[in-house]
Protein backbone atom coordinates (compact mmCIF):
# COMPACT_ATOMS: atom_id res chain seq x y z
CA UNK A 1 0.00 0.00 0.00
CA UNK A 2 1.40 3.40 -0.94
CA UNK A 3 2.05 5.91 1.82
CA UNK A 4 2.50 9.54 2.82
CA UNK A 5 5.04 10.76 5.35
CA UNK A 6 3.82 13.28 7.91
CA UNK A 7 6.23 14.29 10.66
CA UNK A 8 4.08 17.14 12.01
CA UNK A 9 2.95 16.96 15.63
CA UNK A 10 0.58 19.94 15.35
CA UNK A 11 -2.98 18.58 15.79
CA UNK A 12 -4.53 21.33 13.66
CA UNK A 13 -2.18 20.64 10.74
CA UNK A 14 -2.66 16.89 11.11
CA UNK A 15 -6.45 17.10 11.07
CA UNK A 16 -6.28 19.37 8.01
CA UNK A 17 -3.89 16.80 6.49
CA UNK A 18 -6.52 14.10 7.06
CA UNK A 19 -9.21 16.13 5.31
CA UNK A 20 -6.93 17.04 2.40
CA UNK A 21 -5.84 13.43 1.89
CA UNK A 22 -9.48 12.31 1.81
CA UNK A 23 -10.83 15.00 -0.49
CA UNK A 24 -7.97 16.05 -2.75
CA UNK A 25 -5.44 13.24 -3.27
CA UNK A 26 -6.99 11.56 -6.28
CA UNK A 27 -5.32 8.18 -6.78
CA UNK A 28 -6.66 4.84 -7.93
CA UNK A 29 -4.48 3.19 -5.30
CA UNK A 30 -5.20 2.97 -1.58
CA UNK A 31 -2.69 4.59 0.76
CA UNK A 32 -1.87 5.15 4.44
CA UNK A 33 0.16 7.37 6.72
CA UNK A 34 1.27 7.37 10.36
CA UNK A 35 1.35 10.49 12.51
CA UNK A 36 1.51 11.85 16.05
CA UNK A 37 0.14 14.84 17.94
CA UNK A 38 1.60 16.83 20.79
CA UNK A 39 -0.64 16.66 23.91
CA UNK A 40 -4.19 17.35 22.75
CA UNK A 41 -7.78 16.25 23.06
CA UNK A 42 -9.56 15.53 19.77
CA UNK A 43 -13.36 15.52 19.86
CA UNK A 44 -15.58 13.92 17.25
CA UNK A 45 -17.34 15.98 14.59
CA UNK A 46 -20.75 15.72 16.30
CA UNK A 47 -19.67 16.17 19.91
CA UNK A 48 -20.17 19.00 22.39
CA UNK A 49 -16.61 20.03 23.17
CA UNK A 50 -17.64 21.74 26.40
CA UNK A 51 -18.92 18.54 28.00
CA UNK A 52 -16.16 16.22 26.73
CA UNK A 53 -13.09 17.84 28.27
CA UNK A 54 -11.79 18.76 31.71
CA UNK A 55 -11.31 22.47 31.02
CA UNK A 56 -9.35 23.28 34.18
CA UNK A 57 -6.85 20.44 33.69
CA UNK A 58 -6.42 21.16 29.98
CA UNK A 59 -5.79 24.87 30.52
CA UNK A 60 -3.44 24.23 33.43
CA UNK A 61 -1.36 21.77 31.39
CA UNK A 62 -1.48 23.65 28.06
CA UNK A 63 -3.16 20.78 26.23
CA UNK A 64 -4.61 21.70 22.84
CA UNK A 65 -8.25 21.02 21.96
CA UNK A 66 -9.29 20.15 18.40
CA UNK A 67 -12.26 18.81 16.43
CA UNK A 68 -11.86 16.25 13.64
CA UNK A 69 -14.05 15.72 10.56
CA UNK A 70 -15.02 12.14 11.50
CA UNK A 71 -17.51 10.96 14.11
CA UNK A 72 -16.94 8.99 17.29
CA UNK A 73 -15.84 10.02 20.74
CA UNK A 74 -13.19 12.25 22.27
CA UNK A 75 -9.63 10.90 22.49
CA UNK A 76 -6.41 12.06 24.13
CA UNK A 77 -3.22 12.20 22.07
CA UNK A 78 0.38 12.81 23.04
CA UNK A 79 3.76 11.89 21.59
CA UNK A 80 3.44 8.39 23.07
CA UNK A 81 0.40 7.75 20.88
CA UNK A 82 0.82 6.73 17.22
CA UNK A 83 -2.08 7.36 14.85
CA UNK A 84 -2.82 5.65 11.55
CA UNK A 85 -4.98 6.79 8.61
CA UNK A 86 -6.08 4.67 5.64
CA UNK A 87 -7.60 6.28 2.54
CA UNK A 88 -9.46 3.62 0.56
CA UNK A 89 -11.30 3.79 -2.75
CA UNK A 90 -14.82 2.45 -2.34
CA UNK A 91 -17.89 2.54 -4.58
CA UNK A 92 -20.57 1.38 -2.17
CA UNK A 93 -20.55 2.37 1.52
CA UNK A 94 -22.49 -0.81 2.23
CA UNK A 95 -19.47 -2.81 1.12
CA UNK A 96 -17.18 -1.42 3.80
CA UNK A 97 -15.46 -4.26 5.66
CA UNK A 98 -13.80 -2.94 8.80
CA UNK A 99 -11.59 -6.02 8.97
CA UNK A 100 -9.73 -4.63 5.96
CA UNK A 101 -8.32 -1.91 8.22
CA UNK A 102 -8.16 -3.75 11.53
CA UNK A 103 -6.45 -6.96 10.43
CA UNK A 104 -3.31 -5.31 8.98
CA UNK A 105 -2.75 -3.59 12.34
CA UNK A 106 -3.42 -6.84 14.22
CA UNK A 107 -1.07 -8.75 11.90
CA UNK A 108 1.65 -6.11 12.23
CA UNK A 109 1.48 -6.24 16.03
CA UNK A 110 1.53 -10.04 15.91
CA UNK A 111 4.76 -9.82 13.90
CA UNK A 112 6.14 -7.74 16.78
CA UNK A 113 5.07 -10.44 19.24
CA UNK A 114 1.91 -8.75 20.56
CA UNK A 115 -1.39 -10.66 20.47
CA UNK A 116 -4.27 -8.28 19.80
CA UNK A 117 -8.01 -8.92 19.43
CA UNK A 118 -10.86 -6.72 18.18
CA UNK A 119 -14.01 -5.86 20.11
CA UNK A 120 -17.58 -5.65 18.80
CA UNK A 121 -16.98 -1.87 18.40
CA UNK A 122 -13.82 -2.59 16.32
CA UNK A 123 -11.54 -1.34 19.10
CA UNK A 124 -8.23 -3.19 19.45
CA UNK A 125 -7.60 -4.91 22.78
CA UNK A 126 -4.75 -6.55 24.69
CA UNK A 127 -5.83 -8.74 27.61
CA UNK A 128 -9.23 -7.04 27.60
CA UNK A 129 -7.72 -3.54 27.75
CA UNK A 130 -8.15 -1.04 24.91
CA UNK A 131 -5.10 0.07 22.91
CA UNK A 132 -6.86 1.55 19.87
CA UNK A 133 -10.08 3.28 18.90
CA UNK A 134 -11.09 4.38 15.43
CA UNK A 135 -13.44 6.55 13.36
CA UNK A 136 -14.26 7.00 9.69
CA UNK A 137 -15.53 9.47 7.08
CA UNK A 138 -16.66 9.09 3.46
CA UNK A 139 -16.19 11.65 0.68
CA UNK A 140 -15.92 11.45 -3.13
CA UNK A 141 -16.18 7.64 -3.13
CA UNK A 142 -13.25 7.43 -0.74
CA UNK A 143 -13.21 6.26 2.86
CA UNK A 144 -10.88 7.64 5.51
CA UNK A 145 -10.46 5.18 8.36
CA UNK A 146 -8.22 6.45 11.13
CA UNK A 147 -7.37 5.36 14.64
CA UNK A 148 -5.07 5.55 17.61
CA UNK A 149 -2.41 3.20 18.94
CA UNK A 150 -1.45 3.70 22.57
CA UNK A 151 2.25 2.90 22.52
CA UNK A 152 3.55 4.80 25.55
CA UNK A 153 0.96 7.50 26.20
CA UNK A 154 0.60 9.29 29.54
CA UNK A 155 -2.47 7.41 30.76
CA UNK A 156 -2.77 9.57 33.88
CA UNK A 157 -3.01 12.74 31.80
CA UNK A 158 -5.45 10.97 29.50
CA UNK A 159 -7.72 10.15 32.43
CA UNK A 160 -7.64 13.69 33.80
CA UNK A 161 -8.07 15.42 30.42
CA UNK A 162 -11.19 13.39 29.58
CA UNK A 163 -12.54 13.00 33.11
CA UNK A 164 -15.69 15.13 33.38
CA UNK A 165 -17.67 14.30 36.51
CA UNK A 166 -20.20 17.10 36.27
CA UNK A 167 -23.74 16.31 35.08
CA UNK A 168 -24.53 19.99 34.57
CA UNK A 169 -24.49 19.73 30.74
CA UNK A 170 -27.50 18.67 28.67
CA UNK A 171 -27.13 18.39 24.89
CA UNK A 172 -27.74 16.18 21.87
CA UNK A 173 -24.03 15.76 21.20
CA UNK A 174 -22.61 12.26 20.78
CA UNK A 175 -21.29 11.12 24.17
CA UNK A 176 -17.94 9.37 24.52
CA UNK A 177 -17.76 5.84 25.90
CA UNK A 178 -14.86 5.43 28.32
CA UNK A 179 -12.89 2.18 28.40
CA UNK A 180 -10.04 0.75 30.44
CA UNK A 181 -6.84 1.21 28.48
CA UNK A 182 -3.21 0.12 28.43
CA UNK A 183 -0.01 0.85 26.50
CA UNK A 184 1.47 -1.48 23.89
CA UNK A 185 5.05 -0.81 25.04
CA UNK A 186 4.61 -3.01 28.12
CA UNK A 187 4.11 -6.02 25.83
CA UNK A 188 7.21 -5.39 23.70
CA UNK A 189 10.92 -5.88 24.50
CA UNK A 190 12.00 -3.25 27.04
CA UNK A 191 14.37 -1.53 24.60
CA UNK A 192 11.60 -0.85 22.03
CA UNK A 193 11.04 2.88 21.54
CA UNK A 194 8.55 4.90 19.49
CA UNK A 195 10.91 5.11 16.52
CA UNK A 196 11.25 1.30 16.47
CA UNK A 197 7.49 0.85 16.76
CA UNK A 198 6.71 3.41 14.04
CA UNK A 199 9.32 1.92 11.69
CA UNK A 200 8.09 -1.64 12.20
CA UNK A 201 4.45 -0.73 11.61
CA UNK A 202 5.32 1.35 8.53
CA UNK A 203 7.46 -1.48 7.12
CA UNK A 204 4.65 -4.01 7.52
CA UNK A 205 1.90 -1.78 6.07
CA UNK A 206 4.02 -0.72 3.08
CA UNK A 207 4.48 -4.32 1.90
CA UNK A 208 7.82 -4.76 3.67
CA UNK A 209 8.97 -1.38 2.39
CA UNK A 210 8.37 -2.18 -1.29
CA UNK A 211 5.52 0.29 -1.91
CA UNK A 212 6.25 3.87 -2.95
CA UNK A 213 5.83 7.18 -1.14
CA UNK A 214 3.33 9.82 -2.30
CA UNK A 215 5.09 13.19 -2.15
CA UNK A 216 2.99 16.33 -1.71
CA UNK A 217 4.03 19.54 -3.44
CA UNK A 218 4.83 22.79 -1.62
CA UNK A 219 1.53 24.17 -2.88
CA UNK A 220 -0.38 21.23 -1.38
CA UNK A 221 1.37 21.67 1.97
CA UNK A 222 0.52 25.38 1.87
CA UNK A 223 -3.17 24.54 1.31
CA UNK A 224 -3.12 22.21 4.30
CA UNK A 225 -1.45 24.87 6.45
CA UNK A 226 -4.11 27.40 5.40
CA UNK A 227 -6.94 25.07 6.45
CA UNK A 228 -5.13 24.25 9.69
CA UNK A 229 -4.98 27.91 10.66
CA UNK A 230 -8.27 29.17 9.23
CA UNK A 231 -10.51 26.24 10.07
CA UNK A 232 -9.15 23.58 12.41
CA UNK A 233 -7.43 25.94 14.89
CA UNK A 234 -10.39 28.33 15.17
CA UNK A 235 -12.69 28.64 18.16
CA UNK A 236 -15.69 28.61 15.82
CA UNK A 237 -14.78 25.12 14.57
CA UNK A 238 -13.59 23.63 17.87
CA UNK A 239 -16.32 25.03 20.14
CA UNK A 240 -18.82 26.83 17.91
CA UNK A 241 -19.70 23.61 16.06
CA UNK A 242 -20.87 22.02 19.30
CA UNK A 243 -24.58 21.13 19.34
CA UNK A 244 -26.89 23.44 21.26
CA UNK A 245 -26.75 22.69 24.99
CA UNK A 246 -27.96 23.79 28.41
CA UNK A 247 -26.20 24.14 31.73
CA UNK A 248 -27.73 23.98 35.18
CA UNK A 249 -25.35 24.28 38.12
CA UNK A 250 -25.53 25.28 41.77
CA UNK A 251 -22.84 25.96 44.37
CA UNK A 252 -22.62 27.31 47.91
CA UNK A 253 -20.42 30.40 48.34
CA UNK A 254 -19.90 32.34 51.60
CA UNK A 255 -23.13 31.12 53.14
CA UNK A 256 -25.20 31.74 50.00
CA UNK A 257 -26.49 29.42 47.27
CA UNK A 258 -25.92 30.59 43.71
CA UNK A 259 -27.68 28.77 40.89
CA UNK A 260 -26.96 29.17 37.19
CA UNK A 261 -29.03 28.32 34.11
CA UNK A 262 -27.50 28.90 30.66
CA UNK A 263 -28.60 28.14 27.08
CA UNK A 264 -25.74 27.99 24.55
CA UNK A 265 -26.07 27.81 20.77
CA UNK A 266 -23.20 27.82 18.27
CA UNK A 267 -20.90 28.44 21.20
CA UNK A 268 -22.62 31.69 22.25
CA UNK A 269 -24.77 32.42 25.28
CA UNK A 270 -28.40 32.75 24.16
CA UNK A 271 -29.88 33.25 27.61
CA UNK A 272 -28.57 33.15 31.16
CA UNK A 273 -30.18 33.35 34.56
CA UNK A 274 -28.69 33.62 38.05
CA UNK A 275 -30.71 32.68 41.12
CA UNK A 276 -29.25 33.82 44.45
CA UNK A 277 -30.78 33.35 47.88
CA UNK A 278 -30.00 36.85 49.13
CA UNK A 279 -31.01 40.41 48.29
CA UNK A 280 -28.52 42.67 46.57
CA UNK A 281 -28.65 46.38 45.96
CA UNK A 282 -29.40 45.62 42.31
CA UNK A 283 -31.14 42.81 40.48
CA UNK A 284 -28.94 40.46 38.46
CA UNK A 285 -30.76 41.34 35.21
CA UNK A 286 -28.02 43.75 34.16
CA UNK A 287 -25.38 41.05 34.46
CA UNK A 288 -27.56 38.60 32.54
CA UNK A 289 -28.14 41.08 29.72
CA UNK A 290 -24.45 41.93 29.44
CA UNK A 291 -23.57 38.24 29.07
CA UNK A 292 -26.09 37.48 26.32
CA UNK A 293 -24.69 36.76 22.84
CA UNK A 294 -21.04 36.58 23.92
CA UNK A 295 -18.97 33.43 23.43
CA UNK A 296 -19.30 30.81 26.14
CA UNK A 297 -15.59 31.13 26.78
CA UNK A 298 -13.92 31.77 30.10
CA UNK A 299 -11.85 34.72 28.88
CA UNK A 300 -14.83 36.41 27.22
CA UNK A 301 -17.06 36.00 30.27
CA UNK A 302 -14.22 37.11 32.56
CA UNK A 303 -13.69 40.25 30.47
CA UNK A 304 -17.41 41.11 30.55
CA UNK A 305 -17.78 40.53 34.29
CA UNK A 306 -14.68 42.63 34.98
CA UNK A 307 -16.54 45.69 33.69
CA UNK A 308 -19.46 45.25 36.13
CA UNK A 309 -19.65 46.05 39.85
CA UNK A 310 -20.68 42.55 40.86
CA UNK A 311 -20.88 43.32 44.58
CA UNK A 312 -24.10 45.28 44.00
CA UNK A 313 -25.78 42.13 42.70
CA UNK A 314 -23.92 39.22 44.30
CA UNK A 315 -22.62 40.67 47.56
CA UNK A 316 -19.47 38.84 48.68
CA UNK A 317 -19.59 36.30 45.84
CA UNK A 318 -16.66 37.13 43.55
CA UNK A 319 -16.13 37.09 39.82
CA UNK A 320 -13.81 34.07 40.13
CA UNK A 321 -16.50 32.15 41.98
CA UNK A 322 -19.03 32.92 39.26
CA UNK A 323 -16.53 31.67 36.68
CA UNK A 324 -16.08 28.46 38.69
CA UNK A 325 -19.85 27.98 38.67
CA UNK A 326 -19.95 28.39 34.90
CA UNK A 327 -16.86 26.56 33.73
CA UNK A 328 -15.49 24.19 36.41
């Protein structure tokens, strides 16, 4: 199978690369490529980004957030995770046989001495623990089938980045299904590193190195970079494409209960209501009106609240506590 080489670790470039390969590389032959991302969370096309990620952990650890063009659930990537993408010519979507994509990976790992099985959801498993999930997208009679391979990922960071305990969100977005996971490296010789793993998998998938590379032109790379910056890295794509959702949350601050109800559409606050069990000098209507139609984004809300004397409405409850109620 022919192949592309992609050494980028920028998730926005790599997701744009996926879309370009699917829509614009017009070959009669099937091809594949392997790639990695720096620490990032990638949500599925139809997911609500807000309810899939642990915002506080992600911001604190400078983890990027991105949205892909395929469905499925949210996944965590870092440099210990190796991703694969197959682009396959197909006339009839009903003829898609997922084993065509899964078995080469299973066979390659078997060659390395690792016994892998597939689940009913086409995830790859070792000893009942998940090492790979996948998603797909069709366009122009081509199928992109891509997935993850946990080689030596930081599983603790993965758990924290995707661990959302709050039930305050209500939306029609596709919810992720969490599974117990493990790394492949623990089942390989101790000296095996990512370079060895990548090279072995590439060698196997490229017909023992006999198939030829597809080389993209400078113009093609420039088009991918443009889409990375102007689509995949934008707030409108990552958050604004989230399905409409509602938030209801309540916390106790300084002896007072503060309740919040928010409706968000296309990433912007459509309506918001605060309910507080104490009397202020002013009603909270002014605050609610000022927050309408702005992005449901911590920095935007922070900036708006900073221009209001909140003590007149909320007493001793601070701006930071209101932000905690909304976003944490």
